[in-house]
């Protein structure tokens, strides 16, 4: 039986948070989660399917279906968990509300790390109560396909508003994420996988194979529940 010491240490490590519509969840999401866990020294990572995403149209599948597919996708990887808080909530899925809920759950000291793609990060000033995010969690910015590595683009492409908010928060050292519960911004590069949920939906809608773009268990769920069909 493993000793309690390693488990206690693990619970004190930063907890990663990766939200998204996950319509459907695919290998790009899962690879991002796995690489973030390693690059940022996380003690675990929660995938958080959006219930009612405020910045886009109605998803192609229900929140319950997207939640079920996320559970199937992470099965077998104990480092990844699925958080159903946004799906169960009655209000729109605003990130600041989710972070407030999770901060109350884990307490004031454990570091939380919100993982965003470069494109989402650059749009941060359009988010609800976005300035408050820095007081609730660290933000890790993942390079995405089509974006230059962070060493050649950070922070030149940020808007003046976001640049001002991130001033003195930038770090390239994952140890800084363990030293405080929130407040730092750290870029990291990920393996470029040009897989999109919209591509998968289009393939399924038109009767083409989407195999090897997402876990087989998720693909089987889509077929069994007739999701994304015309």
Protein backbone atom coordinates (compact mmCIF):
# COMPACT_ATOMS: atom_id res chain seq x y z
CA UNK A 1 0.00 0.00 0.00
CA UNK A 2 1.44 3.43 -0.93
CA UNK A 3 2.28 5.74 1.94
CA UNK A 4 0.16 8.78 2.72
CA UNK A 5 3.10 11.13 2.21
CA UNK A 6 3.13 11.06 -1.63
CA UNK A 7 -0.65 11.53 -1.75
CA UNK A 8 -0.48 14.53 0.56
CA UNK A 9 2.29 16.03 -1.58
CA UNK A 10 0.26 15.43 -4.73
CA UNK A 11 -2.75 17.23 -3.30
CA UNK A 12 -0.57 20.28 -2.67
CA UNK A 13 0.59 20.52 -6.28
CA UNK A 14 -1.15 22.89 -8.70
CA UNK A 15 -4.49 21.72 -10.06
CA UNK A 16 -4.92 22.32 -13.79
CA UNK A 17 -8.26 23.38 -15.26
CA UNK A 18 -9.12 22.95 -18.94
CA UNK A 19 -12.56 24.13 -19.98
CA UNK A 20 -14.25 23.92 -23.32
CA UNK A 21 -17.39 23.01 -25.17
CA UNK A 22 -15.88 19.59 -26.02
CA UNK A 23 -18.38 19.09 -28.85
CA UNK A 24 -16.97 16.45 -29.13
CA UNK A 25 -13.84 15.99 -27.04
CA UNK A 26 -10.94 14.81 -29.22
CA UNK A 27 -7.26 13.88 -29.15
CA UNK A 28 -6.17 17.51 -29.44
CA UNK A 29 -7.90 18.27 -26.13
CA UNK A 30 -6.45 15.20 -24.46
CA UNK A 31 -2.92 15.80 -25.73
CA UNK A 32 -3.11 19.40 -24.51
CA UNK A 33 -4.18 18.19 -21.08
CA UNK A 34 -1.36 15.63 -20.91
CA UNK A 35 1.35 18.02 -22.06
CA UNK A 36 0.12 20.76 -19.73
CA UNK A 37 0.24 18.33 -16.81
CA UNK A 38 3.89 17.59 -17.49
CA UNK A 39 5.09 21.04 -18.55
CA UNK A 40 3.43 22.85 -15.63
CA UNK A 41 4.13 20.28 -12.91
CA UNK A 42 0.46 19.75 -12.13
CA UNK A 43 -0.82 17.38 -9.48
CA UNK A 44 -3.86 16.63 -11.60
CA UNK A 45 -6.07 18.19 -14.22
CA UNK A 46 -9.82 18.66 -14.52
CA UNK A 47 -11.62 18.87 -17.84
CA UNK A 48 -14.65 21.14 -17.47
CA UNK A 49 -17.31 20.81 -20.19
CA UNK A 50 -19.28 24.03 -20.62
CA UNK A 51 -22.98 23.77 -19.87
CA UNK A 52 -24.23 26.94 -21.54
CA UNK A 53 -21.26 28.60 -23.30
CA UNK A 54 -21.91 32.36 -23.48
CA UNK A 55 -19.61 33.21 -26.40
CA UNK A 56 -20.89 30.83 -29.08
CA UNK A 57 -24.04 29.32 -30.50
CA UNK A 58 -25.84 26.28 -29.21
CA UNK A 59 -23.52 23.21 -29.26
CA UNK A 60 -24.25 20.37 -31.67
CA UNK A 61 -24.88 17.93 -28.80
CA UNK A 62 -26.46 18.29 -25.37
CA UNK A 63 -24.49 19.13 -22.27
CA UNK A 64 -25.22 15.67 -20.89
CA UNK A 65 -23.85 14.03 -24.05
CA UNK A 66 -20.72 16.17 -23.96
CA UNK A 67 -20.21 15.34 -20.29
CA UNK A 68 -20.62 11.62 -20.99
CA UNK A 69 -18.10 11.77 -23.85
CA UNK A 70 -15.59 13.55 -21.62
CA UNK A 71 -15.88 10.81 -18.99
CA UNK A 72 -15.29 8.16 -21.66
CA UNK A 73 -12.27 10.05 -23.02
CA UNK A 74 -10.38 10.23 -19.71
CA UNK A 75 -11.13 6.67 -18.58
CA UNK A 76 -7.87 4.90 -17.75
CA UNK A 77 -5.89 8.08 -16.98
CA UNK A 78 -6.08 8.78 -13.22
CA UNK A 79 -4.38 12.16 -13.66
CA UNK A 80 -7.36 13.48 -15.63
CA UNK A 81 -10.81 14.02 -14.12
CA UNK A 82 -14.04 15.52 -15.39
CA UNK A 83 -15.75 18.33 -13.50
CA UNK A 84 -19.51 18.54 -14.08
CA UNK A 85 -20.02 21.85 -12.28
CA UNK A 86 -20.78 23.95 -15.35
CA UNK A 87 -23.12 21.33 -16.82
CA UNK A 88 -25.06 21.13 -13.54
CA UNK A 89 -25.21 24.90 -13.02
CA UNK A 90 -28.31 26.82 -14.01
CA UNK A 91 -26.50 29.96 -15.19
CA UNK A 92 -24.27 30.53 -18.21
CA UNK A 93 -20.78 29.01 -18.05
CA UNK A 94 -18.64 31.97 -17.08
CA UNK A 95 -15.07 31.03 -16.18
CA UNK A 96 -14.89 33.44 -13.25
CA UNK A 97 -17.85 31.69 -11.58
CA UNK A 98 -16.22 28.29 -12.08
CA UNK A 99 -12.96 29.52 -10.58
CA UNK A 100 -14.80 30.99 -7.59
CA UNK A 101 -16.49 27.63 -7.01
CA UNK A 102 -13.23 25.69 -7.31
CA UNK A 103 -11.33 28.14 -5.12
CA UNK A 104 -13.95 27.62 -2.41
CA UNK A 105 -13.58 23.85 -2.87
CA UNK A 106 -9.77 23.55 -2.69
CA UNK A 107 -9.17 26.41 -0.26
CA UNK A 108 -7.13 29.61 -0.53
CA UNK A 109 -3.65 28.04 -0.69
CA UNK A 110 -3.66 25.36 -3.38
CA UNK A 111 -2.53 26.74 -6.75
CA UNK A 112 -5.07 26.62 -9.55
CA UNK A 113 -3.87 26.84 -13.16
CA UNK A 114 -6.34 27.83 -15.87
CA UNK A 115 -5.14 26.49 -19.24
CA UNK A 116 -6.00 28.54 -22.32
CA UNK A 117 -5.04 28.38 -25.96
CA UNK A 118 -3.21 31.37 -27.38
CA UNK A 119 -6.26 32.48 -29.33
CA UNK A 120 -8.55 32.32 -26.28
CA UNK A 121 -5.99 34.14 -24.15
CA UNK A 122 -5.75 37.02 -26.60
CA UNK A 123 -9.52 37.43 -26.38
CA UNK A 124 -9.50 37.47 -22.58
CA UNK A 125 -10.58 41.14 -22.26
CA UNK A 126 -13.97 40.19 -23.77
CA UNK A 127 -14.65 37.69 -20.95
CA UNK A 128 -17.00 38.31 -18.03
CA UNK A 129 -15.14 39.89 -15.06
CA UNK A 130 -11.86 38.89 -16.70
CA UNK A 131 -9.54 40.91 -14.46
CA UNK A 132 -10.69 38.86 -11.47
CA UNK A 133 -9.34 35.67 -13.06
CA UNK A 134 -5.77 36.63 -12.08
CA UNK A 135 -6.72 36.71 -8.41
CA UNK A 136 -8.29 33.27 -8.56
CA UNK A 137 -5.79 31.24 -10.60
CA UNK A 138 -2.60 31.26 -12.59
CA UNK A 139 -3.07 31.27 -16.36
CA UNK A 140 -1.05 28.94 -18.59
CA UNK A 141 -1.12 29.81 -22.29
CA UNK A 142 -0.66 26.93 -24.72
CA UNK A 143 0.74 27.56 -28.16
CA UNK A 144 -1.70 26.43 -30.86
CA UNK A 145 -1.19 25.38 -34.51
CA UNK A 146 -0.75 28.50 -36.61
CA UNK A 147 0.83 30.48 -33.78
CA UNK A 148 4.59 30.99 -33.54
CA UNK A 149 6.34 29.53 -30.48
CA UNK A 150 6.03 31.79 -27.45
CA UNK A 151 9.69 32.67 -27.42
CA UNK A 152 9.17 34.58 -30.69
CA UNK A 153 5.74 36.06 -30.04
CA UNK A 154 5.33 36.82 -26.34
CA UNK A 155 4.11 39.42 -25.51
CA UNK A 156 4.26 41.46 -28.72
CA UNK A 157 0.83 40.39 -30.01
CA UNK A 158 -1.13 41.23 -26.84
CA UNK A 159 -3.59 44.09 -26.87
CA UNK A 160 -2.57 47.09 -24.72
CA UNK A 161 -5.31 46.23 -22.21
CA UNK A 162 -4.20 42.63 -21.79
CA UNK A 163 -0.52 43.57 -21.86
CA UNK A 164 -1.10 45.97 -18.96
CA UNK A 165 -2.98 43.33 -16.98
CA UNK A 166 -0.17 40.78 -17.50
CA UNK A 167 2.68 43.12 -16.68
CA UNK A 168 4.90 41.65 -13.94
CA UNK A 169 2.92 38.40 -14.04
CA UNK A 170 4.85 36.62 -16.80
CA UNK A 171 7.03 33.64 -15.91
CA UNK A 172 8.73 30.84 -17.81
CA UNK A 173 9.37 28.77 -14.67
CA UNK A 174 6.78 26.22 -13.57
CA UNK A 175 8.14 26.43 -10.01
CA UNK A 176 6.56 29.90 -9.77
CA UNK A 177 3.13 28.29 -10.15
CA UNK A 178 3.75 26.28 -6.99
CA UNK A 179 4.94 29.28 -5.01
CA UNK A 180 1.59 31.11 -4.96
CA UNK A 181 -2.07 30.13 -5.38
CA UNK A 182 -2.74 32.52 -8.29
CA UNK A 183 -1.56 35.50 -10.27
CA UNK A 184 1.12 34.33 -12.71
CA UNK A 185 0.94 33.91 -16.49
CA UNK A 186 3.08 31.20 -18.05
CA UNK A 187 3.28 30.28 -21.75
CA UNK A 188 4.16 26.76 -22.83
CA UNK A 189 4.44 25.06 -26.19
CA UNK A 190 2.48 21.96 -27.14
CA UNK A 191 2.67 19.45 -29.95
CA UNK A 192 0.70 20.97 -32.85
CA UNK A 193 -2.32 18.81 -33.64
CA UNK A 194 -4.62 20.48 -36.15
CA UNK A 195 -7.74 18.64 -34.99
CA UNK A 196 -10.97 20.55 -34.45
CA UNK A 197 -14.38 19.57 -33.13
CA UNK A 198 -15.99 21.32 -36.10
CA UNK A 199 -14.01 19.10 -38.49
CA UNK A 200 -15.18 15.98 -36.64
CA UNK A 201 -18.80 17.12 -36.68
CA UNK A 202 -18.56 17.83 -40.41
CA UNK A 203 -17.07 14.41 -41.12
CA UNK A 204 -19.77 12.62 -39.15
CA UNK A 205 -22.51 14.77 -40.66
CA UNK A 206 -21.41 13.82 -44.16
CA UNK A 207 -20.93 10.13 -43.47
CA UNK A 208 -17.12 10.13 -43.42
CA UNK A 209 -14.81 8.44 -40.92
CA UNK A 210 -13.54 10.43 -37.94
CA UNK A 211 -11.54 7.52 -36.55
CA UNK A 212 -8.10 8.34 -35.08
CA UNK A 213 -9.14 11.94 -34.43
CA UNK A 214 -10.81 11.08 -31.12
CA UNK A 215 -10.91 8.10 -28.75
CA UNK A 216 -12.74 5.04 -30.06
CA UNK A 217 -15.02 5.10 -27.01
CA UNK A 218 -16.17 8.61 -27.89
CA UNK A 219 -16.61 7.71 -31.54
CA UNK A 220 -18.72 4.71 -30.53
CA UNK A 221 -20.84 6.95 -28.28
CA UNK A 222 -21.44 9.35 -31.16
CA UNK A 223 -22.58 6.48 -33.39
CA UNK A 224 -24.77 4.88 -30.71
CA UNK A 225 -26.56 8.15 -29.94
CA UNK A 226 -26.73 9.37 -33.55
CA UNK A 227 -24.97 12.62 -32.77
CA UNK A 228 -24.07 15.20 -35.43
CA UNK A 229 -26.08 13.48 -38.12
CA UNK A 230 -28.02 15.45 -40.72
